[in-house]
């Protein structure tokens, strides 16, 4: 007996896997940055992305592989890699190390707000009432996160210092928000999604290694360190998230996939409570409410886009 699964149901399963995969990256990064360096984490995750994504490209597509790309698509996916996989990931890991995973993830989820702004500015899209309502909810959720960040970092920190702390994940969210514009440009040039993601990972890795050399901070990664193991787990988790996300969009409607994908902040809060020690994560009910508000707002923005 063969069990048949509809495309919508398969899309739900894949989108759920993607949300868990992206949430896992936050948790593994939190565990890894307890004793490990942020730069090591970013480099290990990028290496995992390349190692796990390149073999499927070699199997699914026929040589010469250069025919999969054009100079324009390479430039577009490369820009997406520098913005999303390099800068955004570096800032995300730094924020996770500084304020924790459950406070960082709702702020990162505001990337849909920045994506909307960029789409309006660069693609001349219209801002709808639903868009605006979603943006209001995102801003409200981040306001609660700001309050909780101030409480977590101590009363001795000023409002300006608390704001500076949140600049890091907000800039990361902005970089993630502009990433889809570059990806859409690369896809429009004829390059398939999976080869495009490999280009993103390779360019991000080259750019990050160049940055480390320029700052004289390139050093061997401690292979046997426990932190490296957590970073590898984060690399696997985020790679699974990417593949499941794009696969879900291939077979299921956006209205099915995006609401599930926006559950990542809530999953981070729940998984932090269940699996992370309290010395690493201070999860309060306002953080859970803020995550829920951001999820609703991000879903509204995503579905009305």
C-alpha atoms as a PDB file:
ATOM      1  CA  UNK A   1       0.000   0.000   0.000  1.00  0.00           C
ATOM      2  CA  UNK A   2       1.441   3.351  -1.085  1.00  0.00           C
ATOM      3  CA  UNK A   3       0.576   6.355   1.075  1.00  0.00           C
ATOM      4  CA  UNK A   4      -0.092   9.379  -1.130  1.00  0.00           C
ATOM      5  CA  UNK A   5       0.695  12.812   0.274  1.00  0.00           C
ATOM      6  CA  UNK A   6      -0.806  15.933  -1.251  1.00  0.00           C
ATOM      7  CA  UNK A   7       1.443  18.795  -2.303  1.00  0.00           C
ATOM      8  CA  UNK A   8      -0.114  21.054   0.340  1.00  0.00           C
ATOM      9  CA  UNK A   9       0.503  18.545   3.128  1.00  0.00           C
ATOM     10  CA  UNK A  10       4.058  17.962   1.936  1.00  0.00           C
ATOM     11  CA  UNK A  11       4.528  21.712   1.818  1.00  0.00           C
ATOM     12  CA  UNK A  12       3.330  21.967   5.425  1.00  0.00           C
ATOM     13  CA  UNK A  13       5.786  19.265   6.491  1.00  0.00           C
ATOM     14  CA  UNK A  14       8.700  20.891   4.637  1.00  0.00           C
ATOM     15  CA  UNK A  15       7.878  24.368   5.948  1.00  0.00           C
ATOM     16  CA  UNK A  16       7.697  22.962   9.480  1.00  0.00           C
ATOM     17  CA  UNK A  17      11.078  21.317   9.018  1.00  0.00           C
ATOM     18  CA  UNK A  18      12.449  24.648   7.753  1.00  0.00           C
ATOM     19  CA  UNK A  19      11.133  26.524  10.798  1.00  0.00           C
ATOM     20  CA  UNK A  20      12.684  23.970  13.153  1.00  0.00           C
ATOM     21  CA  UNK A  21      15.945  24.094  11.187  1.00  0.00           C
ATOM     22  CA  UNK A  22      16.204  27.871  11.420  1.00  0.00           C
ATOM     23  CA  UNK A  23      15.248  27.794  15.110  1.00  0.00           C
ATOM     24  CA  UNK A  24      17.929  25.172  15.692  1.00  0.00           C
ATOM     25  CA  UNK A  25      20.556  27.542  14.349  1.00  0.00           C
ATOM     26  CA  UNK A  26      19.753  30.030  17.140  1.00  0.00           C
ATOM     27  CA  UNK A  27      19.977  27.393  19.865  1.00  0.00           C
ATOM     28  CA  UNK A  28      23.152  25.758  18.581  1.00  0.00           C
ATOM     29  CA  UNK A  29      24.757  29.170  18.127  1.00  0.00           C
ATOM     30  CA  UNK A  30      23.885  30.022  21.737  1.00  0.00           C
ATOM     31  CA  UNK A  31      25.477  26.829  22.985  1.00  0.00           C
ATOM     32  CA  UNK A  32      28.538  27.279  20.794  1.00  0.00           C
ATOM     33  CA  UNK A  33      29.187  30.914  21.641  1.00  0.00           C
ATOM     34  CA  UNK A  34      29.199  30.148  25.370  1.00  0.00           C
ATOM     35  CA  UNK A  35      32.831  29.038  25.069  1.00  0.00           C
ATOM     36  CA  UNK A  36      33.608  29.497  21.377  1.00  0.00           C
ATOM     37  CA  UNK A  37      34.307  32.485  19.162  1.00  0.00           C
ATOM     38  CA  UNK A  38      31.607  34.047  16.990  1.00  0.00           C
ATOM     39  CA  UNK A  39      33.963  34.129  13.995  1.00  0.00           C
ATOM     40  CA  UNK A  40      34.615  30.388  14.343  1.00  0.00           C
ATOM     41  CA  UNK A  41      30.867  29.775  14.396  1.00  0.00           C
ATOM     42  CA  UNK A  42      30.209  31.755  11.221  1.00  0.00           C
ATOM     43  CA  UNK A  43      33.078  30.059   9.386  1.00  0.00           C
ATOM     44  CA  UNK A  44      32.003  26.561  10.449  1.00  0.00           C
ATOM     45  CA  UNK A  45      28.378  27.167   9.456  1.00  0.00           C
ATOM     46  CA  UNK A  46      29.431  28.505   6.058  1.00  0.00           C
ATOM     47  CA  UNK A  47      31.658  25.466   5.549  1.00  0.00           C
ATOM     48  CA  UNK A  48      28.746  23.172   6.375  1.00  0.00           C
ATOM     49  CA  UNK A  49      26.524  25.034   3.900  1.00  0.00           C
ATOM     50  CA  UNK A  50      29.032  24.502   1.086  1.00  0.00           C
ATOM     51  CA  UNK A  51      29.804  20.885   2.002  1.00  0.00           C
ATOM     52  CA  UNK A  52      26.150  19.875   2.205  1.00  0.00           C
ATOM     53  CA  UNK A  53      24.798  21.825  -0.777  1.00  0.00           C
ATOM     54  CA  UNK A  54      27.505  21.280  -3.393  1.00  0.00           C
ATOM     55  CA  UNK A  55      27.075  17.470  -3.894  1.00  0.00           C
ATOM     56  CA  UNK A  56      23.339  17.746  -4.747  1.00  0.00           C
ATOM     57  CA  UNK A  57      24.150  20.395  -7.356  1.00  0.00           C
ATOM     58  CA  UNK A  58      26.762  18.109  -8.935  1.00  0.00           C
ATOM     59  CA  UNK A  59      24.249  15.236  -9.010  1.00  0.00           C
ATOM     60  CA  UNK A  60      21.108  17.099 -10.105  1.00  0.00           C
ATOM     61  CA  UNK A  61      22.710  19.163 -12.869  1.00  0.00           C
ATOM     62  CA  UNK A  62      24.873  18.136 -15.811  1.00  0.00           C
ATOM     63  CA  UNK A  63      28.253  19.645 -16.655  1.00  0.00           C
ATOM     64  CA  UNK A  64      29.469  22.096 -17.764  1.00  0.00           C
ATOM     65  CA  UNK A  65      28.149  23.674 -14.574  1.00  0.00           C
ATOM     66  CA  UNK A  66      29.274  27.102 -15.715  1.00  0.00           C
ATOM     67  CA  UNK A  67      26.257  27.101 -18.035  1.00  0.00           C
ATOM     68  CA  UNK A  68      24.035  27.379 -14.960  1.00  0.00           C
ATOM     69  CA  UNK A  69      25.261  30.907 -14.350  1.00  0.00           C
ATOM     70  CA  UNK A  70      25.579  34.292 -15.973  1.00  0.00           C
ATOM     71  CA  UNK A  71      27.792  37.158 -14.761  1.00  0.00           C
ATOM     72  CA  UNK A  72      24.633  38.970 -13.642  1.00  0.00           C
ATOM     73  CA  UNK A  73      23.260  35.992 -11.681  1.00  0.00           C
ATOM     74  CA  UNK A  74      26.627  35.358 -10.015  1.00  0.00           C
ATOM     75  CA  UNK A  75      26.829  39.013  -8.988  1.00  0.00           C
ATOM     76  CA  UNK A  76      23.249  38.929  -7.685  1.00  0.00           C
ATOM     77  CA  UNK A  77      23.609  35.721  -5.672  1.00  0.00           C
ATOM     78  CA  UNK A  78      27.037  36.882  -4.508  1.00  0.00           C
ATOM     79  CA  UNK A  79      25.534  40.105  -3.165  1.00  0.00           C
ATOM     80  CA  UNK A  80      22.831  38.049  -1.428  1.00  0.00           C
ATOM     81  CA  UNK A  81      25.506  35.858   0.146  1.00  0.00           C
ATOM     82  CA  UNK A  82      27.505  38.827   1.417  1.00  0.00           C
ATOM     83  CA  UNK A  83      24.400  40.467   2.888  1.00  0.00           C
ATOM     84  CA  UNK A  84      22.629  37.407   4.305  1.00  0.00           C
ATOM     85  CA  UNK A  85      25.145  34.647   4.906  1.00  0.00           C
ATOM     86  CA  UNK A  86      28.130  36.830   5.842  1.00  0.00           C
ATOM     87  CA  UNK A  87      27.102  40.129   7.455  1.00  0.00           C
ATOM     88  CA  UNK A  88      23.688  39.060   8.798  1.00  0.00           C
ATOM     89  CA  UNK A  89      24.977  35.766  10.179  1.00  0.00           C
ATOM     90  CA  UNK A  90      27.989  37.406  11.839  1.00  0.00           C
ATOM     91  CA  UNK A  91      25.777  40.006  13.514  1.00  0.00           C
ATOM     92  CA  UNK A  92      23.162  37.393  14.462  1.00  0.00           C
ATOM     93  CA  UNK A  93      25.743  35.197  16.178  1.00  0.00           C
ATOM     94  CA  UNK A  94      27.167  38.242  17.955  1.00  0.00           C
ATOM     95  CA  UNK A  95      23.693  39.239  19.159  1.00  0.00           C
ATOM     96  CA  UNK A  96      22.968  35.695  20.350  1.00  0.00           C
ATOM     97  CA  UNK A  97      26.192  35.759  22.339  1.00  0.00           C
ATOM     98  CA  UNK A  98      25.372  39.164  23.868  1.00  0.00           C
ATOM     99  CA  UNK A  99      21.629  38.999  24.666  1.00  0.00           C
ATOM    100  CA  UNK A 100      20.623  35.385  23.978  1.00  0.00           C
ATOM    101  CA  UNK A 101      18.701  33.450  21.351  1.00  0.00           C
ATOM    102  CA  UNK A 102      15.151  34.133  22.540  1.00  0.00           C
ATOM    103  CA  UNK A 103      15.675  37.927  22.551  1.00  0.00           C
ATOM    104  CA  UNK A 104      17.533  37.938  19.228  1.00  0.00           C
ATOM    105  CA  UNK A 105      15.110  35.830  17.196  1.00  0.00           C
ATOM    106  CA  UNK A 106      12.071  38.184  17.362  1.00  0.00           C
ATOM    107  CA  UNK A 107      14.258  41.107  16.280  1.00  0.00           C
ATOM    108  CA  UNK A 108      15.688  39.064  13.411  1.00  0.00           C
ATOM    109  CA  UNK A 109      12.112  38.199  12.378  1.00  0.00           C
ATOM    110  CA  UNK A 110      11.598  41.897  11.632  1.00  0.00           C
ATOM    111  CA  UNK A 111      13.500  41.247   8.396  1.00  0.00           C
ATOM    112  CA  UNK A 112      10.113  41.117   6.631  1.00  0.00           C
ATOM    113  CA  UNK A 113       9.627  44.765   7.610  1.00  0.00           C
ATOM    114  CA  UNK A 114      12.908  45.708   5.956  1.00  0.00           C
ATOM    115  CA  UNK A 115      12.100  43.512   2.953  1.00  0.00           C
ATOM    116  CA  UNK A 116       8.835  45.447   2.552  1.00  0.00           C
ATOM    117  CA  UNK A 117      10.621  48.788   2.739  1.00  0.00           C
ATOM    118  CA  UNK A 118      13.220  47.694   0.180  1.00  0.00           C
ATOM    119  CA  UNK A 119      10.495  46.333  -2.120  1.00  0.00           C
ATOM    120  CA  UNK A 120       8.617  49.636  -1.952  1.00  0.00           C
ATOM    121  CA  UNK A 121      11.773  51.676  -2.587  1.00  0.00           C
ATOM    122  CA  UNK A 122      13.547  49.547  -5.199  1.00  0.00           C
ATOM    123  CA  UNK A 123      10.772  47.480  -6.795  1.00  0.00           C
ATOM    124  CA  UNK A 124       8.070  50.171  -6.587  1.00  0.00           C
ATOM    125  CA  UNK A 125       5.630  47.859  -4.821  1.00  0.00           C
ATOM    126  CA  UNK A 126       2.632  49.325  -2.978  1.00  0.00           C
ATOM    127  CA  UNK A 127       2.249  49.413   0.809  1.00  0.00           C
ATOM    128  CA  UNK A 128      -1.144  47.916   1.673  1.00  0.00           C
ATOM    129  CA  UNK A 129      -3.206  48.281   4.844  1.00  0.00           C
ATOM    130  CA  UNK A 130      -2.363  44.679   5.789  1.00  0.00           C
ATOM    131  CA  UNK A 131       1.316  45.445   5.298  1.00  0.00           C
ATOM    132  CA  UNK A 132       0.988  48.432   7.605  1.00  0.00           C
ATOM    133  CA  UNK A 133      -0.862  46.439  10.285  1.00  0.00           C
ATOM    134  CA  UNK A 134       1.839  43.773  10.212  1.00  0.00           C
ATOM    135  CA  UNK A 135       4.571  46.391  10.518  1.00  0.00           C
ATOM    136  CA  UNK A 136       2.835  47.933  13.557  1.00  0.00           C
ATOM    137  CA  UNK A 137       2.748  44.518  15.250  1.00  0.00           C
ATOM    138  CA  UNK A 138       6.432  43.910  14.471  1.00  0.00           C
ATOM    139  CA  UNK A 139       7.405  47.275  15.943  1.00  0.00           C
ATOM    140  CA  UNK A 140       5.277  46.573  19.043  1.00  0.00           C
ATOM    141  CA  UNK A 141       6.929  43.193  19.511  1.00  0.00           C
ATOM    142  CA  UNK A 142      10.407  44.671  19.191  1.00  0.00           C
ATOM    143  CA  UNK A 143       9.466  47.344  21.742  1.00  0.00           C
ATOM    144  CA  UNK A 144       8.718  44.585  24.261  1.00  0.00           C
ATOM    145  CA  UNK A 145      12.005  42.885  23.372  1.00  0.00           C
ATOM    146  CA  UNK A 146      13.778  46.210  23.988  1.00  0.00           C
ATOM    147  CA  UNK A 147      12.181  46.432  27.432  1.00  0.00           C
ATOM    148  CA  UNK A 148      13.199  42.870  28.263  1.00  0.00           C
ATOM    149  CA  UNK A 149      16.721  43.472  26.934  1.00  0.00           C
ATOM    150  CA  UNK A 150      17.066  46.406  29.294  1.00  0.00           C
ATOM    151  CA  UNK A 151      15.869  44.218  32.180  1.00  0.00           C
ATOM    152  CA  UNK A 152      18.225  41.393  31.246  1.00  0.00           C
ATOM    153  CA  UNK A 153      21.304  43.574  30.880  1.00  0.00           C
ATOM    154  CA  UNK A 154      20.745  45.313  34.202  1.00  0.00           C
ATOM    155  CA  UNK A 155      19.481  48.642  35.502  1.00  0.00           C
ATOM    156  CA  UNK A 156      22.928  50.175  35.184  1.00  0.00           C
ATOM    157  CA  UNK A 157      22.607  50.238  31.394  1.00  0.00           C
ATOM    158  CA  UNK A 158      21.145  53.421  29.923  1.00  0.00           C
ATOM    159  CA  UNK A 159      18.413  53.585  27.302  1.00  0.00           C
ATOM    160  CA  UNK A 160      21.026  54.612  24.740  1.00  0.00           C
ATOM    161  CA  UNK A 161      23.182  51.602  25.611  1.00  0.00           C
ATOM    162  CA  UNK A 162      20.183  49.279  25.374  1.00  0.00           C
ATOM    163  CA  UNK A 163      19.347  50.739  21.972  1.00  0.00           C
ATOM    164  CA  UNK A 164      22.924  50.203  20.853  1.00  0.00           C
ATOM    165  CA  UNK A 165      22.642  46.553  21.914  1.00  0.00           C
ATOM    166  CA  UNK A 166      19.607  46.091  19.669  1.00  0.00           C
ATOM    167  CA  UNK A 167      21.280  47.790  16.697  1.00  0.00           C
ATOM    168  CA  UNK A 168      23.245  44.597  16.027  1.00  0.00           C
ATOM    169  CA  UNK A 169      20.233  42.289  15.435  1.00  0.00           C
ATOM    170  CA  UNK A 170      18.334  45.083  13.664  1.00  0.00           C
ATOM    171  CA  UNK A 171      21.143  45.550  11.145  1.00  0.00           C
ATOM    172  CA  UNK A 172      21.212  41.766  10.728  1.00  0.00           C
ATOM    173  CA  UNK A 173      17.471  41.834  10.027  1.00  0.00           C
ATOM    174  CA  UNK A 174      17.973  44.602   7.457  1.00  0.00           C
ATOM    175  CA  UNK A 175      20.636  42.539   5.686  1.00  0.00           C
ATOM    176  CA  UNK A 176      18.323  39.511   5.634  1.00  0.00           C
ATOM    177  CA  UNK A 177      15.545  41.766   4.355  1.00  0.00           C
ATOM    178  CA  UNK A 178      17.512  42.888   1.306  1.00  0.00           C
ATOM    179  CA  UNK A 179      18.729  39.352   0.558  1.00  0.00           C
ATOM    180  CA  UNK A 180      15.515  38.258  -1.286  1.00  0.00           C
ATOM    181  CA  UNK A 181      15.811  41.195  -3.696  1.00  0.00           C
ATOM    182  CA  UNK A 182      19.251  40.013  -4.807  1.00  0.00           C
ATOM    183  CA  UNK A 183      18.032  36.394  -4.947  1.00  0.00           C
ATOM    184  CA  UNK A 184      15.069  37.366  -7.144  1.00  0.00           C
ATOM    185  CA  UNK A 185      17.464  39.163  -9.475  1.00  0.00           C
ATOM    186  CA  UNK A 186      19.630  36.043  -9.722  1.00  0.00           C
ATOM    187  CA  UNK A 187      16.644  33.772 -10.345  1.00  0.00           C
ATOM    188  CA  UNK A 188      15.350  36.150 -13.018  1.00  0.00           C
ATOM    189  CA  UNK A 189      18.708  35.787 -14.788  1.00  0.00           C
ATOM    190  CA  UNK A 190      18.050  32.059 -15.195  1.00  0.00           C
ATOM    191  CA  UNK A 191      20.118  30.457 -12.421  1.00  0.00           C
ATOM    192  CA  UNK A 192      18.254  27.740 -10.447  1.00  0.00           C
ATOM    193  CA  UNK A 193      17.799  28.100  -6.707  1.00  0.00           C
ATOM    194  CA  UNK A 194      20.184  25.409  -5.421  1.00  0.00           C
ATOM    195  CA  UNK A 195      23.214  26.450  -7.516  1.00  0.00           C
ATOM    196  CA  UNK A 196      22.429  30.034  -6.534  1.00  0.00           C
ATOM    197  CA  UNK A 197      22.569  29.189  -2.833  1.00  0.00           C
ATOM    198  CA  UNK A 198      25.947  27.502  -3.372  1.00  0.00           C
ATOM    199  CA  UNK A 199      27.226  30.708  -4.985  1.00  0.00           C
ATOM    200  CA  UNK A 200      25.897  32.642  -2.005  1.00  0.00           C
ATOM    201  CA  UNK A 201      27.740  30.378   0.445  1.00  0.00           C
ATOM    202  CA  UNK A 202      31.001  30.408  -1.525  1.00  0.00           C
ATOM    203  CA  UNK A 203      31.052  34.192  -1.962  1.00  0.00           C
ATOM    204  CA  UNK A 204      30.127  34.697   1.703  1.00  0.00           C
ATOM    205  CA  UNK A 205      32.939  32.370   2.770  1.00  0.00           C
ATOM    206  CA  UNK A 206      35.519  34.087   0.555  1.00  0.00           C
ATOM    207  CA  UNK A 207      34.353  37.478   1.793  1.00  0.00           C
ATOM    208  CA  UNK A 208      34.438  36.391   5.441  1.00  0.00           C
ATOM    209  CA  UNK A 209      37.905  34.834   5.179  1.00  0.00           C
ATOM    210  CA  UNK A 210      39.104  38.029   3.479  1.00  0.00           C
ATOM    211  CA  UNK A 211      37.610  40.048   6.332  1.00  0.00           C
ATOM    212  CA  UNK A 212      39.382  37.884   8.922  1.00  0.00           C
ATOM    213  CA  UNK A 213      42.713  38.236   7.107  1.00  0.00           C
ATOM    214  CA  UNK A 214      42.238  41.983   6.781  1.00  0.00           C
ATOM    215  CA  UNK A 215      41.560  42.296  10.514  1.00  0.00           C
ATOM    216  CA  UNK A 216      44.412  39.868  11.288  1.00  0.00           C
ATOM    217  CA  UNK A 217      42.010  37.573  13.162  1.00  0.00           C
ATOM    218  CA  UNK A 218      42.167  34.476  10.956  1.00  0.00           C
ATOM    219  CA  UNK A 219      43.207  31.496  13.050  1.00  0.00           C
ATOM    220  CA  UNK A 220      42.816  27.696  13.064  1.00  0.00           C
ATOM    221  CA  UNK A 221      39.454  26.437  14.274  1.00  0.00           C
ATOM    222  CA  UNK A 222      39.738  24.164  17.348  1.00  0.00           C
ATOM    223  CA  UNK A 223      38.421  20.945  15.816  1.00  0.00           C
ATOM    224  CA  UNK A 224      37.983  19.019  19.069  1.00  0.00           C
ATOM    225  CA  UNK A 225      36.350  21.829  21.024  1.00  0.00           C
ATOM    226  CA  UNK A 226      32.767  21.299  22.154  1.00  0.00           C
ATOM    227  CA  UNK A 227      31.839  24.686  20.689  1.00  0.00           C
ATOM    228  CA  UNK A 228      32.875  23.519  17.219  1.00  0.00           C
ATOM    229  CA  UNK A 229      30.523  20.565  17.513  1.00  0.00           C
ATOM    230  CA  UNK A 230      27.644  22.919  18.328  1.00  0.00           C
ATOM    231  CA  UNK A 231      28.583  25.128  15.366  1.00  0.00           C
ATOM    232  CA  UNK A 232      28.589  22.096  13.050  1.00  0.00           C
ATOM    233  CA  UNK A 233      25.125  21.206  14.351  1.00  0.00           C
ATOM    234  CA  UNK A 234      24.060  24.783  13.614  1.00  0.00           C
ATOM    235  CA  UNK A 235      25.460  24.519  10.085  1.00  0.00           C
ATOM    236  CA  UNK A 236      23.553  21.306   9.441  1.00  0.00           C
ATOM    237  CA  UNK A 237      20.401  22.785  10.948  1.00  0.00           C
ATOM    238  CA  UNK A 238      20.451  25.939   8.845  1.00  0.00           C
ATOM    239  CA  UNK A 239      21.271  24.004   5.668  1.00  0.00           C
ATOM    240  CA  UNK A 240      18.290  21.712   6.253  1.00  0.00           C
ATOM    241  CA  UNK A 241      16.205  24.835   6.872  1.00  0.00           C
ATOM    242  CA  UNK A 242      17.255  26.418   3.570  1.00  0.00           C
ATOM    243  CA  UNK A 243      16.617  23.281   1.507  1.00  0.00           C
ATOM    244  CA  UNK A 244      13.256  22.551   3.155  1.00  0.00           C
ATOM    245  CA  UNK A 245      12.157  26.175   2.772  1.00  0.00           C
ATOM    246  CA  UNK A 246      12.867  26.387  -0.956  1.00  0.00           C
ATOM    247  CA  UNK A 247      11.477  22.891  -1.549  1.00  0.00           C
ATOM    248  CA  UNK A 248       8.254  23.879   0.233  1.00  0.00           C
ATOM    249  CA  UNK A 249       7.878  26.968  -1.960  1.00  0.00           C
ATOM    250  CA  UNK A 250       8.346  24.789  -5.054  1.00  0.00           C
ATOM    251  CA  UNK A 251       5.318  22.571  -4.315  1.00  0.00           C
ATOM    252  CA  UNK A 252       2.997  24.502  -1.990  1.00  0.00           C
ATOM    253  CA  UNK A 253       1.372  27.961  -2.023  1.00  0.00           C
ATOM    254  CA  UNK A 254       3.057  30.851  -0.255  1.00  0.00           C
ATOM    255  CA  UNK A 255      -0.012  31.184   2.005  1.00  0.00           C
ATOM    256  CA  UNK A 256       0.741  27.692   3.328  1.00  0.00           C
ATOM    257  CA  UNK A 257       4.506  27.999   3.670  1.00  0.00           C
ATOM    258  CA  UNK A 258       5.114  31.498   5.052  1.00  0.00           C
ATOM    259  CA  UNK A 259       2.934  31.373   8.211  1.00  0.00           C
ATOM    260  CA  UNK A 260       4.737  28.199   9.295  1.00  0.00           C
ATOM    261  CA  UNK A 261       8.143  29.679   8.535  1.00  0.00           C
ATOM    262  CA  UNK A 262       7.375  32.735  10.657  1.00  0.00           C
ATOM    263  CA  UNK A 263       6.941  30.471  13.689  1.00  0.00           C
ATOM    264  CA  UNK A 264      10.730  30.428  14.180  1.00  0.00           C
ATOM    265  CA  UNK A 265      10.807  33.018  17.035  1.00  0.00           C
ATOM    266  CA  UNK A 266       8.169  31.090  18.991  1.00  0.00           C
ATOM    267  CA  UNK A 267      10.038  27.836  18.436  1.00  0.00           C
ATOM    268  CA  UNK A 268      13.226  29.459  19.711  1.00  0.00           C
ATOM    269  CA  UNK A 269      11.448  30.557  22.904  1.00  0.00           C
ATOM    270  CA  UNK A 270       9.884  27.123  23.481  1.00  0.00           C
ATOM    271  CA  UNK A 271      13.060  25.196  22.691  1.00  0.00           C
ATOM    272  CA  UNK A 272      15.097  27.547  24.889  1.00  0.00           C
ATOM    273  CA  UNK A 273      12.823  26.763  27.825  1.00  0.00           C
ATOM    274  CA  UNK A 274      12.974  23.028  27.166  1.00  0.00           C
ATOM    275  CA  UNK A 275      16.633  22.486  26.322  1.00  0.00           C
ATOM    276  CA  UNK A 276      18.856  25.430  27.275  1.00  0.00           C
ATOM    277  CA  UNK A 277      20.123  25.949  30.830  1.00  0.00           C
ATOM    278  CA  UNK A 278      18.940  29.095  32.613  1.00  0.00           C
ATOM    279  CA  UNK A 279      22.490  30.416  32.810  1.00  0.00           C
ATOM    280  CA  UNK A 280      22.347  30.842  29.025  1.00  0.00           C
ATOM    281  CA  UNK A 281      18.752  31.911  28.426  1.00  0.00           C
ATOM    282  CA  UNK A 282      16.414  33.960  30.603  1.00  0.00           C
ATOM    283  CA  UNK A 283      12.991  33.324  29.089  1.00  0.00           C
ATOM    284  CA  UNK A 284      10.131  35.429  30.486  1.00  0.00           C
ATOM    285  CA  UNK A 285       6.444  35.581  29.557  1.00  0.00           C
ATOM    286  CA  UNK A 286       6.804  39.054  27.963  1.00  0.00           C
ATOM    287  CA  UNK A 287       9.410  37.573  25.604  1.00  0.00           C
ATOM    288  CA  UNK A 288       6.949  34.853  24.619  1.00  0.00           C
ATOM    289  CA  UNK A 289       4.210  37.430  24.032  1.00  0.00           C
ATOM    290  CA  UNK A 290       6.608  39.607  22.015  1.00  0.00           C
ATOM    291  CA  UNK A 291       7.587  36.608  19.888  1.00  0.00           C
ATOM    292  CA  UNK A 292       3.905  35.846  19.256  1.00  0.00           C
ATOM    293  CA  UNK A 293       3.173  39.451  18.265  1.00  0.00           C
ATOM    294  CA  UNK A 294       6.155  39.509  15.899  1.00  0.00           C
ATOM    295  CA  UNK A 295       5.078  36.177  14.387  1.00  0.00           C
ATOM    296  CA  UNK A 296       1.591  37.533  13.655  1.00  0.00           C
ATOM    297  CA  UNK A 297       2.994  40.754  12.219  1.00  0.00           C
ATOM    298  CA  UNK A 298       5.609  38.987  10.103  1.00  0.00           C
ATOM    299  CA  UNK A 299       2.976  36.594   8.792  1.00  0.00           C
ATOM    300  CA  UNK A 300       0.687  39.450   7.779  1.00  0.00           C
ATOM    301  CA  UNK A 301       3.530  41.212   5.973  1.00  0.00           C
ATOM    302  CA  UNK A 302       4.695  38.019   4.264  1.00  0.00           C
ATOM    303  CA  UNK A 303       1.234  36.973   3.052  1.00  0.00           C
ATOM    304  CA  UNK A 304       0.348  40.428   1.764  1.00  0.00           C
ATOM    305  CA  UNK A 305       3.621  40.764  -0.136  1.00  0.00           C
END
